[in-house]
Amino acid sequence: MPLFWRIFLLNAVVLVTATALLLGPVTVSTPVLLTEAAILTVGLAAMLIANALLLRIGLAPLQRLARAMTTTDLLRPGARPAVGGHGEVADLITTFNTMLDRLEAERATSAARALTAQEAERHRIAQELHDEIGQTLTAVLLDLKRVANQAPEPVREQLHQVQETTRASLDEIRRIARRLRPGVLEELGLTSALKSLATEFTGPTLSVRHDIATDLPPLGENAELVLYRVAQESLTNTARHAAATRVGLTLKRTPDAVELRVRDNGKGIGGAPEGAGISGMRERALLISADLGLGPAPGGGTEVRLTVPVRHRSQ
């Protein structure tokens, strides 16, 4: 039955009942007696309560749907609202669930295209840094060395300092190129890439320990790339913002998934809003139907957890 007629009939029942009482044994004197006023007040209250209860029962599915609309986040897919009620209410909830399915599918498709284009652009920039700027700085180093060998002693010392600055710049460019295009991932696989990543972020003020299982199931190219990028972004956030001294990077196999954990002992995220880096991690997780969790770590700090279902290993 349509929602309009259900609400109309609910109100009609209440009004017909009130009319029947007035036309029946209930009479009202002029002036109204105190007992009659009390009876009318009680009857009116009973009708209002009955009408409110009937409307609440009839509109309860819409309230649940409204709460679901308020809390829905396409980056965090969750359970759909249960289809309840009858007629237009059930149709509305079903339509909303169908719309969410379509939006999540379209977002996943667009995210996949965007991330593919992003990786291609990273590859191009890394290649240009290596082939163009890297080669140019290498040539500059060779020229500086040749000029330094022919220069007088006071100038030679200054040229040596310029050489060291140029060499440091060349090393930094190579490091940036490696981060943009993880060649070790393509050449040696995920395990070696994560170990290299942990070594790269280890420094005087930050210790990164890794524990990577040796019995990992076969993972597709997309899944390995997402795992690597999430670990890279997590370590980058830790090094820049967490003020941590220790980080643990673990990758293990569970009965039905592969789980990556990056846990630090820093100051935690508190109530800070999620930035572009975390949103990017969520979009990458959606790309392979993985689950990304971010929250406080036991004992303090922050923990990032990425769970990749094994059934998606062919991706």
Protein backbone atom coordinates (compact mmCIF):
# COMPACT_ATOMS: atom_id res chain seq x y z
CA MET A 1 0.00 0.00 0.00
CA PRO A 2 1.38 3.46 -0.86
CA LEU A 3 2.80 5.51 2.01
CA PHE A 4 0.20 8.26 1.52
CA TRP A 5 -2.73 5.90 2.02
CA ARG A 6 -1.13 4.19 5.00
CA ILE A 7 -0.67 7.51 6.82
CA PHE A 8 -4.17 8.61 5.78
CA LEU A 9 -5.74 5.41 7.12
CA LEU A 10 -3.80 5.67 10.40
CA ASN A 11 -5.16 9.15 10.99
CA ALA A 12 -8.62 8.12 9.81
CA VAL A 13 -8.77 5.31 12.36
CA VAL A 14 -7.92 7.73 15.16
CA LEU A 15 -10.48 10.32 14.02
CA VAL A 16 -13.25 7.75 13.47
CA THR A 17 -12.65 6.37 16.96
CA ALA A 18 -12.90 9.87 18.43
CA THR A 19 -16.10 10.58 16.49
CA ALA A 20 -17.66 7.29 17.61
CA LEU A 21 -16.98 8.13 21.22
CA LEU A 22 -18.56 11.57 20.87
CA LEU A 23 -21.67 10.14 19.17
CA GLY A 24 -21.93 7.32 21.66
CA PRO A 25 -22.52 7.37 25.40
CA VAL A 26 -20.06 10.20 25.95
CA THR A 27 -21.81 13.56 26.43
CA VAL A 28 -20.60 17.03 27.24
CA SER A 29 -22.55 19.40 29.46
CA THR A 30 -22.78 23.16 29.17
CA PRO A 31 -20.85 24.42 31.02
CA VAL A 32 -18.33 21.56 30.88
CA LEU A 33 -18.01 19.63 34.10
CA LEU A 34 -14.60 18.94 35.60
CA THR A 35 -14.99 15.16 35.18
CA GLU A 36 -16.02 15.58 31.53
CA ALA A 37 -13.03 17.83 30.87
CA ALA A 38 -10.74 15.25 32.45
CA ILE A 39 -12.26 12.48 30.30
CA LEU A 40 -11.88 14.56 27.13
CA THR A 41 -8.27 15.42 28.02
CA VAL A 42 -7.41 11.78 28.61
CA GLY A 43 -9.10 10.77 25.38
CA LEU A 44 -7.27 13.45 23.40
CA ALA A 45 -3.93 12.40 24.93
CA ALA A 46 -4.67 8.76 24.12
CA MET A 47 -5.46 9.65 20.49
CA LEU A 48 -2.28 11.73 20.11
CA ILE A 49 -0.14 8.98 21.66
CA ALA A 50 -1.74 6.34 19.45
CA ASN A 51 -1.24 8.52 16.36
CA ALA A 52 2.43 9.18 17.28
CA LEU A 53 3.14 5.49 17.86
CA LEU A 54 1.51 4.44 14.60
CA LEU A 55 3.41 7.10 12.65
CA ARG A 56 6.71 6.17 14.32
CA ILE A 57 6.23 2.53 13.41
CA GLY A 58 5.31 3.43 9.85
CA LEU A 59 8.19 5.89 9.35
CA ALA A 60 10.91 4.00 11.28
CA PRO A 61 12.49 2.60 8.05
CA LEU A 62 12.83 6.16 6.73
CA GLN A 63 14.64 7.23 9.90
CA ARG A 64 17.10 4.37 9.50
CA LEU A 65 17.61 5.35 5.89
CA ALA A 66 18.25 8.98 6.88
CA ARG A 67 20.93 7.88 9.37
CA ALA A 68 22.55 5.73 6.70
CA MET A 69 22.56 8.65 4.26
CA THR A 70 24.25 10.84 6.87
CA THR A 71 27.03 8.37 7.71
CA THR A 72 27.72 6.85 4.28
CA ASP A 73 31.30 7.33 3.05
CA LEU A 74 32.24 5.99 -0.38
CA LEU A 75 35.85 5.61 0.76
CA ARG A 76 34.70 3.34 3.59
CA PRO A 77 32.14 0.91 2.20
CA GLY A 78 29.96 -0.64 4.86
CA ALA A 79 26.74 -2.53 5.38
CA ARG A 80 23.70 -1.39 3.45
CA PRO A 81 20.49 -0.27 5.21
CA ALA A 82 18.14 -3.23 5.71
CA VAL A 83 15.11 -3.09 3.44
CA GLY A 84 12.10 -2.62 5.72
CA GLY A 85 8.59 -1.29 5.53
CA HIS A 86 6.26 -1.68 2.59
CA GLY A 87 5.50 0.03 -0.68
CA GLU A 88 7.38 3.24 -1.41
CA VAL A 89 9.49 2.98 1.76
CA ALA A 90 10.94 -0.39 0.75
CA ASP A 91 11.37 0.83 -2.83
CA LEU A 92 13.20 3.93 -1.61
CA ILE A 93 15.65 1.91 0.53
CA THR A 94 16.24 -0.54 -2.33
CA THR A 95 16.88 2.34 -4.72
CA PHE A 96 19.30 3.96 -2.26
CA ASN A 97 21.26 0.70 -1.89
CA THR A 98 21.38 0.30 -5.67
CA MET A 99 22.62 3.88 -6.01
CA LEU A 100 25.39 3.22 -3.46
CA ASP A 101 26.47 0.10 -5.37
CA ARG A 102 26.63 2.08 -8.60
CA LEU A 103 28.48 5.02 -7.03
CA GLU A 104 31.05 2.76 -5.39
CA ALA A 105 31.58 0.86 -8.64
CA GLU A 106 31.97 4.10 -10.60
CA ARG A 107 34.33 5.54 -7.99
CA ALA A 108 36.43 2.38 -8.02
CA THR A 109 36.62 2.52 -11.82
CA SER A 110 37.55 6.21 -11.87
CA ALA A 111 40.06 5.68 -9.05
CA ALA A 112 41.66 2.84 -11.00
CA ARG A 113 42.03 5.06 -14.06
CA ALA A 114 43.39 7.94 -11.98
CA LEU A 115 45.89 5.76 -10.13
CA THR A 116 47.02 4.12 -13.36
CA ALA A 117 47.59 7.55 -14.89
CA GLN A 118 49.37 8.64 -11.70
CA GLU A 119 51.73 5.67 -11.80
CA ALA A 120 52.44 6.31 -15.49
CA GLU A 121 53.23 9.95 -14.70
CA ARG A 122 55.47 8.90 -11.79
CA HIS A 123 57.29 6.55 -14.14
CA ARG A 124 57.78 9.30 -16.74
CA ILE A 125 59.05 11.85 -14.21
CA ALA A 126 61.40 9.32 -12.61
CA GLN A 127 62.76 8.41 -16.03
CA GLU A 128 63.37 12.05 -16.90
CA LEU A 129 65.03 12.71 -13.55
CA HIS A 130 67.34 9.77 -14.11
CA ASP A 131 68.07 10.26 -17.80
CA GLU A 132 68.09 14.05 -18.09
CA ILE A 133 68.89 15.76 -14.79
CA GLY A 134 70.89 12.82 -13.44
CA GLN A 135 73.07 12.64 -16.53
CA THR A 136 73.51 16.40 -16.57
CA LEU A 137 74.65 16.50 -12.93
CA THR A 138 77.01 13.59 -13.59
CA ALA A 139 78.59 15.55 -16.43
CA VAL A 140 78.84 18.61 -14.18
CA LEU A 141 80.66 16.51 -11.55
CA LEU A 142 83.16 15.29 -14.12
CA ASP A 143 83.78 18.85 -15.37
CA LEU A 144 84.21 20.10 -11.80
CA LYS A 145 86.73 17.37 -11.12
CA ARG A 146 88.69 18.25 -14.26
CA VAL A 147 88.66 21.97 -13.46
CA ALA A 148 89.59 21.33 -9.81
CA ASN A 149 92.65 19.36 -10.85
CA GLN A 150 93.87 22.32 -12.90
CA ALA A 151 92.88 25.09 -10.47
CA PRO A 152 95.19 26.73 -7.90
CA GLU A 153 95.02 25.48 -4.33
CA PRO A 154 92.63 28.13 -2.82
CA VAL A 155 90.13 27.69 -5.68
CA ARG A 156 90.53 23.91 -5.66
CA GLU A 157 89.18 23.67 -2.13
CA GLN A 158 86.09 25.69 -3.07
CA LEU A 159 85.56 23.53 -6.14
CA HIS A 160 85.72 20.41 -3.96
CA GLN A 161 82.93 21.87 -1.81
CA VAL A 162 80.87 22.52 -4.95
CA GLN A 163 81.53 18.93 -6.01
CA GLU A 164 80.21 17.60 -2.72
CA THR A 165 77.09 19.76 -2.96
CA THR A 166 76.48 18.59 -6.53
CA ARG A 167 77.04 14.96 -5.53
CA ALA A 168 74.55 15.30 -2.66
CA SER A 169 72.01 16.81 -5.07
CA LEU A 170 72.55 13.93 -7.47
CA ASP A 171 72.00 11.40 -4.68
CA GLU A 172 68.80 13.19 -3.64
CA ILE A 173 67.48 13.17 -7.21
CA ARG A 174 68.20 9.44 -7.47
CA ARG A 175 66.39 8.87 -4.18
CA ILE A 176 63.36 10.81 -5.40
CA ALA A 177 63.38 8.86 -8.65
CA ARG A 178 63.45 5.56 -6.72
CA ARG A 179 60.45 6.66 -4.65
CA LEU A 180 58.54 7.73 -7.73
CA ARG A 181 59.23 4.47 -9.55
CA PRO A 182 59.97 1.50 -7.28
CA GLY A 183 62.24 -0.38 -9.64
CA VAL A 184 63.13 -2.86 -6.89
CA LEU A 185 59.45 -3.86 -6.77
CA GLU A 186 59.42 -4.63 -10.47
CA GLU A 187 62.77 -6.38 -10.45
CA LEU A 188 62.98 -8.22 -7.11
CA GLY A 189 59.40 -8.43 -5.85
CA LEU A 190 57.37 -7.14 -2.90
CA THR A 191 59.44 -8.66 -0.09
CA SER A 192 62.71 -7.10 -1.25
CA ALA A 193 60.96 -3.80 -2.02
CA LEU A 194 59.54 -3.51 1.51
CA LYS A 195 62.90 -4.38 3.07
CA SER A 196 64.58 -1.75 0.92
CA LEU A 197 61.89 0.75 1.93
CA ALA A 198 62.51 0.07 5.62
CA THR A 199 66.25 0.54 5.13
CA GLU A 200 65.70 3.78 3.24
CA PHE A 201 63.66 5.35 6.06
CA THR A 202 65.99 4.17 8.82
CA GLY A 203 68.15 7.02 10.07
CA PRO A 204 69.75 8.57 13.14
CA THR A 205 66.39 9.50 14.69
CA LEU A 206 64.13 6.76 13.30
CA SER A 207 64.52 3.00 13.47
CA VAL A 208 62.37 0.92 11.10
CA ARG A 209 62.15 -2.81 11.78
CA HIS A 210 60.52 -5.18 9.33
CA ASP A 211 58.98 -8.61 9.77
CA ILE A 212 57.90 -10.02 6.42
CA ALA A 213 56.51 -13.54 6.15
CA THR A 214 58.05 -15.96 3.68
CA ASP A 215 54.84 -17.91 2.95
CA LEU A 216 52.93 -15.15 1.20
CA PRO A 217 50.47 -16.29 -1.48
CA PRO A 218 50.87 -15.11 -5.06
CA LEU A 219 49.73 -11.51 -5.41
CA GLY A 220 48.94 -9.67 -8.59
CA GLU A 221 50.77 -6.60 -9.83
CA ASN A 222 48.08 -4.20 -8.61
CA ALA A 223 47.92 -5.75 -5.13
CA GLU A 224 51.71 -5.63 -4.72
CA LEU A 225 51.82 -2.01 -5.89
CA VAL A 226 49.05 -1.00 -3.46
CA LEU A 227 50.79 -2.75 -0.55
CA TYR A 228 54.05 -1.00 -1.41
CA ARG A 229 52.48 2.44 -1.82
CA VAL A 230 50.51 2.17 1.43
CA ALA A 231 53.67 1.17 3.30
CA GLN A 232 55.58 4.01 1.64
CA GLU A 233 52.92 6.61 2.48
CA SER A 234 52.66 5.35 6.06
CA LEU A 235 56.41 5.58 6.61
CA THR A 236 56.49 9.02 4.97
CA ASN A 237 53.76 10.29 7.30
CA THR A 238 55.59 8.83 10.29
CA ALA A 239 58.90 10.42 9.34
CA ARG A 240 57.31 13.83 8.68
CA HIS A 241 54.61 14.21 11.31
CA ALA A 242 54.67 11.54 14.04
CA ALA A 243 57.86 12.48 15.91
CA ALA A 244 58.42 8.75 16.35
CA THR A 245 61.64 6.94 17.10
CA ARG A 246 60.55 3.38 16.23
CA VAL A 247 58.42 1.91 13.46
CA GLY A 248 57.43 -1.69 12.92
CA LEU A 249 56.54 -2.89 9.42
CA THR A 250 54.98 -6.35 9.24
CA LEU A 251 53.50 -8.31 6.37
CA LYS A 252 51.92 -11.65 7.16
CA ARG A 253 49.49 -14.17 5.82
CA THR A 254 46.15 -14.85 7.49
CA PRO A 255 43.71 -17.67 6.65
CA ASP A 256 41.96 -15.64 3.95
CA ALA A 257 44.06 -12.49 3.41
CA VAL A 258 47.44 -10.80 3.44
CA GLU A 259 47.81 -8.18 6.16
CA LEU A 260 50.19 -5.22 6.21
CA ARG A 261 50.75 -3.32 9.46
CA VAL A 262 52.81 -0.18 9.99
CA ARG A 263 52.96 0.80 13.68
CA ASP A 264 54.93 3.65 15.23
CA ASN A 265 55.46 5.02 18.75
CA GLY A 266 54.82 8.64 17.81
CA LYS A 267 52.34 11.21 19.04
CA GLY A 268 49.37 9.73 17.16
CA ILE A 269 46.91 11.40 14.82
CA GLY A 270 44.57 12.75 17.54
CA GLY A 271 41.65 14.59 16.03
CA ALA A 272 43.49 15.76 12.93
CA PRO A 273 41.46 15.50 9.71
CA GLU A 274 42.54 13.02 7.08
CA GLY A 275 44.76 14.57 4.44
CA ALA A 276 45.35 13.76 0.79
CA GLY A 277 47.84 11.02 1.66
CA ILE A 278 45.38 9.00 3.74
CA SER A 279 42.60 9.56 1.19
CA GLY A 280 44.95 8.28 -1.48
CA MET A 281 45.63 5.15 0.59
CA ARG A 282 41.89 4.53 0.94
CA GLU A 283 41.37 4.89 -2.80
CA ARG A 284 44.20 2.47 -3.50
CA ALA A 285 42.69 -0.01 -1.05
CA LEU A 286 39.32 0.22 -2.82
CA LEU A 287 41.07 -0.51 -6.10
CA ILE A 288 41.81 -4.08 -4.94
CA SER A 289 38.78 -4.45 -2.62
CA ALA A 290 41.05 -4.30 0.43
CA ASP A 291 40.21 -2.95 3.88
CA LEU A 292 42.26 -0.05 5.27
CA GLY A 293 42.23 0.70 9.00
CA LEU A 294 43.87 3.68 10.64
CA GLY A 295 43.87 4.37 14.36
CA PRO A 296 45.80 4.50 17.62
CA ALA A 297 48.29 1.71 18.25
CA PRO A 298 48.35 -0.25 21.51
CA GLY A 299 50.64 1.58 23.88
CA GLY A 300 50.54 4.84 21.92
CA GLY A 301 51.34 5.94 18.42
CA THR A 302 49.54 5.16 15.18
CA GLU A 303 48.83 1.93 13.36
CA VAL A 304 47.95 1.55 9.68
CA ARG A 305 46.48 -1.82 8.73
CA LEU A 306 45.79 -2.97 5.17
CA THR A 307 44.02 -6.29 4.67
CA VAL A 308 44.06 -7.67 1.13
CA PRO A 309 41.72 -10.65 0.55
CA VAL A 310 43.49 -13.62 -0.94
CA ARG A 311 40.67 -14.14 -3.40
CA HIS A 312 41.88 -11.00 -5.21
CA ARG A 313 45.33 -12.36 -5.82
CA SER A 314 44.69 -12.60 -9.56
CA GLN A 315 44.29 -8.87 -9.92
